[in-house]
N, C-alpha and C. Protein backbone atom coordinates (compact mmCIF):
# COMPACT_ATOMS: atom_id res chain seq x y z
N MET A 1 39.26 62.27 14.59
CA MET A 1 41.02 63.01 14.13
C MET A 1 40.69 63.98 15.35
N SER A 2 41.77 63.85 15.95
CA SER A 2 42.46 64.89 17.26
C SER A 2 42.34 66.47 16.68
N HIS A 3 42.28 66.56 17.99
CA HIS A 3 42.63 68.37 17.41
C HIS A 3 43.90 68.48 17.13
N GLY A 4 43.46 69.40 15.74
CA GLY A 4 44.79 69.85 14.57
C GLY A 4 46.12 68.81 14.80
N GLN A 5 45.43 67.44 14.33
CA GLN A 5 46.62 65.96 13.96
C GLN A 5 46.38 65.98 12.61
N SER A 6 47.61 65.87 11.63
CA SER A 6 47.17 65.50 10.63
C SER A 6 46.64 63.92 10.65
N SER A 7 46.45 63.32 9.85
CA SER A 7 45.92 61.43 9.81
C SER A 7 46.59 61.10 8.49
N CYS A 8 47.21 62.15 8.01
CA CYS A 8 48.94 61.24 7.16
C CYS A 8 50.24 60.50 8.45
N GLY A 9 50.47 60.06 7.66
CA GLY A 9 51.35 59.46 8.57
C GLY A 9 52.78 60.41 7.95
N VAL A 10 54.64 60.25 8.79
CA VAL A 10 54.56 60.85 8.23
C VAL A 10 55.60 60.62 6.77
N PHE A 11 55.40 59.61 6.24
CA PHE A 11 55.83 59.21 5.12
C PHE A 11 54.96 59.97 3.97
N GLY A 12 53.57 59.52 4.20
CA GLY A 12 53.09 60.59 2.96
C GLY A 12 53.32 62.16 3.00
N ILE A 13 53.18 62.54 3.98
CA ILE A 13 53.62 64.30 4.56
C ILE A 13 55.41 64.30 3.59
N PHE A 14 56.03 63.18 3.66
CA PHE A 14 57.20 63.38 3.47
C PHE A 14 57.45 63.56 1.74
N LEU A 15 56.39 62.48 1.08
CA LEU A 15 56.03 62.01 -0.61
C LEU A 15 55.04 63.13 -0.77
N GLY A 16 54.60 64.32 -0.17
CA GLY A 16 53.93 65.24 -0.85
C GLY A 16 54.99 66.07 -1.11
N PHE A 17 55.62 66.48 0.10
CA PHE A 17 57.47 67.65 -0.01
C PHE A 17 57.89 66.88 -1.18
N ILE A 18 57.92 65.82 -1.68
CA ILE A 18 59.00 65.61 -2.86
C ILE A 18 58.36 65.58 -3.99
N THR A 19 56.99 64.95 -3.57
CA THR A 19 56.30 65.35 -5.25
C THR A 19 56.19 66.80 -5.60
N GLY A 20 55.95 67.84 -4.65
CA GLY A 20 56.10 69.07 -4.98
C GLY A 20 57.31 70.13 -6.13
N VAL A 21 58.48 69.24 -4.90
CA VAL A 21 59.57 69.57 -5.55
C VAL A 21 60.01 69.04 -6.85
N ILE A 22 59.67 67.59 -7.41
CA ILE A 22 59.76 67.04 -8.33
C ILE A 22 58.97 68.20 -9.37
N TRP A 23 57.50 68.27 -9.01
CA TRP A 23 56.69 69.07 -10.09
C TRP A 23 57.50 70.52 -10.26
N LEU A 24 58.13 71.01 -9.48
CA LEU A 24 58.10 71.93 -9.55
C LEU A 24 59.47 72.41 -10.12
N LEU A 25 60.57 71.14 -10.11
CA LEU A 25 61.74 71.28 -10.61
C LEU A 25 61.72 70.94 -11.68
N LEU A 26 60.50 70.27 -12.28
CA LEU A 26 60.23 69.93 -13.99
C LEU A 26 59.42 70.66 -14.64
N ALA A 27 59.18 72.04 -13.84
CA ALA A 27 58.44 72.98 -14.52
C ALA A 27 59.61 74.15 -14.87
N VAL A 28 60.16 74.51 -13.43
CA VAL A 28 61.16 75.56 -14.08
C VAL A 28 62.04 75.16 -14.67
N LEU A 29 62.69 73.94 -14.87
CA LEU A 29 63.66 73.50 -16.01
C LEU A 29 63.15 73.13 -17.29
N GLY A 30 61.95 73.57 -17.45
CA GLY A 30 61.25 73.70 -19.27
C GLY A 30 61.14 72.38 -19.54
N THR A 31 61.00 71.23 -18.63
CA THR A 31 60.85 69.73 -19.07
C THR A 31 59.33 69.87 -19.64
N THR A 32 58.25 70.50 -18.63
CA THR A 32 56.95 70.26 -19.16
C THR A 32 56.45 71.43 -20.13
N SER A 33 57.08 72.52 -20.10
CA SER A 33 56.87 73.48 -21.47
C SER A 33 57.35 72.66 -22.80
N ASP A 34 58.86 71.70 -22.77
CA ASP A 34 58.98 71.10 -23.79
C ASP A 34 58.08 69.88 -24.16
N PHE A 35 57.65 69.20 -23.14
CA PHE A 35 56.68 68.58 -23.42
C PHE A 35 55.22 68.64 -24.32
N PHE A 36 54.73 69.89 -23.48
CA PHE A 36 53.27 70.85 -24.39
C PHE A 36 53.82 71.50 -25.24
N VAL A 37 55.01 71.18 -25.51
CA VAL A 37 55.53 72.35 -27.27
C VAL A 37 55.50 70.53 -28.21
N LEU A 38 55.98 69.58 -27.49
CA LEU A 38 55.64 68.39 -28.70
C LEU A 38 54.15 67.92 -28.82
N LEU A 39 53.37 68.40 -27.73
CA LEU A 39 52.16 68.06 -27.88
C LEU A 39 50.91 68.70 -28.89
N GLY A 40 51.72 70.13 -29.46
CA GLY A 40 51.41 70.94 -30.14
C GLY A 40 50.63 72.45 -29.45
N LEU A 41 50.58 71.72 -28.31
CA LEU A 41 49.78 73.17 -27.32
C LEU A 41 50.22 74.51 -27.10
N GLY A 42 50.98 75.10 -27.64
CA GLY A 42 52.14 76.07 -27.98
C GLY A 42 51.85 77.23 -26.40
N ASN A 43 50.68 78.10 -26.53
CA ASN A 43 50.34 79.33 -25.76
C ASN A 43 49.76 78.81 -24.27
N LEU A 44 48.68 77.69 -24.60
CA LEU A 44 48.13 76.77 -23.67
C LEU A 44 49.16 76.11 -22.98
N GLY A 45 50.27 75.75 -23.41
CA GLY A 45 51.13 75.44 -22.54
C GLY A 45 51.92 75.43 -21.66
N ASN A 46 52.42 76.78 -22.30
CA ASN A 46 53.11 77.88 -21.28
C ASN A 46 52.26 78.23 -19.77
N ILE A 47 50.75 78.29 -20.19
CA ILE A 47 49.95 78.52 -19.09
C ILE A 47 49.59 77.28 -18.28
N LEU A 48 49.76 75.95 -18.70
CA LEU A 48 49.88 75.16 -17.79
C LEU A 48 50.95 74.85 -17.42
N THR A 49 51.90 75.69 -17.75
CA THR A 49 53.57 75.06 -16.90
C THR A 49 53.91 76.16 -16.13
N ILE A 50 53.00 76.88 -15.89
CA ILE A 50 52.88 78.20 -14.53
C ILE A 50 51.88 77.85 -13.58
N LEU A 51 50.71 77.20 -14.44
CA LEU A 51 50.01 76.75 -13.09
C LEU A 51 50.84 74.90 -12.46
N ILE A 52 51.47 74.48 -13.11
CA ILE A 52 51.92 73.00 -12.55
C ILE A 52 53.15 73.93 -11.66
N ALA A 53 53.93 74.81 -11.86
CA ALA A 53 55.09 75.53 -11.05
C ALA A 53 54.20 75.74 -10.56
N LEU A 54 53.04 76.60 -9.87
CA LEU A 54 52.46 77.05 -8.56
C LEU A 54 51.65 75.98 -8.42
N ILE A 55 51.39 74.91 -8.35
CA ILE A 55 50.92 74.06 -7.56
C ILE A 55 52.24 73.07 -6.76
N GLY A 56 53.25 73.23 -7.92
CA GLY A 56 54.45 72.50 -7.13
C GLY A 56 55.05 73.39 -6.41
N PHE A 57 54.97 74.56 -5.94
CA PHE A 57 55.58 75.79 -5.49
C PHE A 57 54.44 75.55 -4.06
N LEU A 58 53.02 75.40 -4.25
CA LEU A 58 52.37 75.45 -2.94
C LEU A 58 52.60 73.89 -2.13
N ALA A 59 52.65 73.01 -2.99
CA ALA A 59 52.83 71.90 -2.21
C ALA A 59 54.02 71.60 -1.82
N PHE A 60 55.19 72.54 -2.35
CA PHE A 60 56.68 72.45 -1.61
C PHE A 60 56.43 73.31 -0.08
N ILE A 61 55.43 74.42 0.18
CA ILE A 61 55.70 74.87 1.14
C ILE A 61 54.70 74.52 2.13
N ILE A 62 53.24 73.89 1.47
CA ILE A 62 52.19 73.45 2.47
C ILE A 62 53.30 71.85 3.58
N PHE A 63 53.31 70.80 2.49
CA PHE A 63 54.05 69.87 2.68
C PHE A 63 55.27 70.10 3.82
N GLY A 64 56.03 71.02 3.34
CA GLY A 64 57.63 71.52 3.93
C GLY A 64 56.97 71.84 5.44
N LEU A 65 56.13 72.96 5.60
CA LEU A 65 56.01 73.08 6.47
C LEU A 65 55.25 72.11 7.44
N PHE A 66 54.32 70.83 7.24
CA PHE A 66 54.10 69.79 7.78
C PHE A 66 55.19 68.59 8.23
N VAL A 67 55.95 68.89 7.72
CA VAL A 67 57.39 68.17 7.60
C VAL A 67 58.03 68.41 8.93
N PHE A 68 57.99 69.51 9.06
CA PHE A 68 58.84 70.45 10.06
C PHE A 68 58.29 70.56 11.38
N LYS A 69 56.61 70.68 11.01
CA LYS A 69 56.13 70.87 12.17
C LYS A 69 56.18 68.81 13.15
N VAL A 70 55.53 67.88 12.11
CA VAL A 70 55.91 66.62 12.79
C VAL A 70 57.51 66.65 13.28
N ALA A 71 58.53 66.92 12.60
CA ALA A 71 59.99 66.76 12.74
C ALA A 71 60.10 67.71 14.18
N TRP A 72 59.18 68.20 14.60
CA TRP A 72 59.34 69.36 16.20
C TRP A 72 58.48 68.68 16.82
N ARG A 73 57.55 68.36 16.67
CA ARG A 73 57.01 67.31 17.57
C ARG A 73 57.57 66.41 18.32
N ARG A 74 58.38 65.80 16.94
CA ARG A 74 59.25 64.31 17.71
C ARG A 74 60.32 64.67 18.14
N CYS A 75 60.71 65.92 17.59
CA CYS A 75 62.56 66.37 18.73
C CYS A 75 62.02 66.56 20.04
N ARG A 76 61.02 67.25 20.25
CA ARG A 76 60.69 67.71 21.98
C ARG A 76 60.60 66.56 22.68
N LYS A 77 59.85 65.37 22.16
CA LYS A 77 59.33 64.05 22.78
C LYS A 77 60.49 63.85 24.04
């Protein structure tokens, strides 16, 4: 692996970005909390929903930054 370069391709990075967006939307729109209520988890479901939203947000930010960096490098060539 070279200096500061990712071993993932552009498709992998973009897939991580889209996955983060999907998990964040599922948590924000209440789909995950409804699923956890269906399973009967109650308050634990709320904590898990917050964790899923946090992980989705972090994936959105981190992979979004990678997508921006790759696009920036390709536009400058």
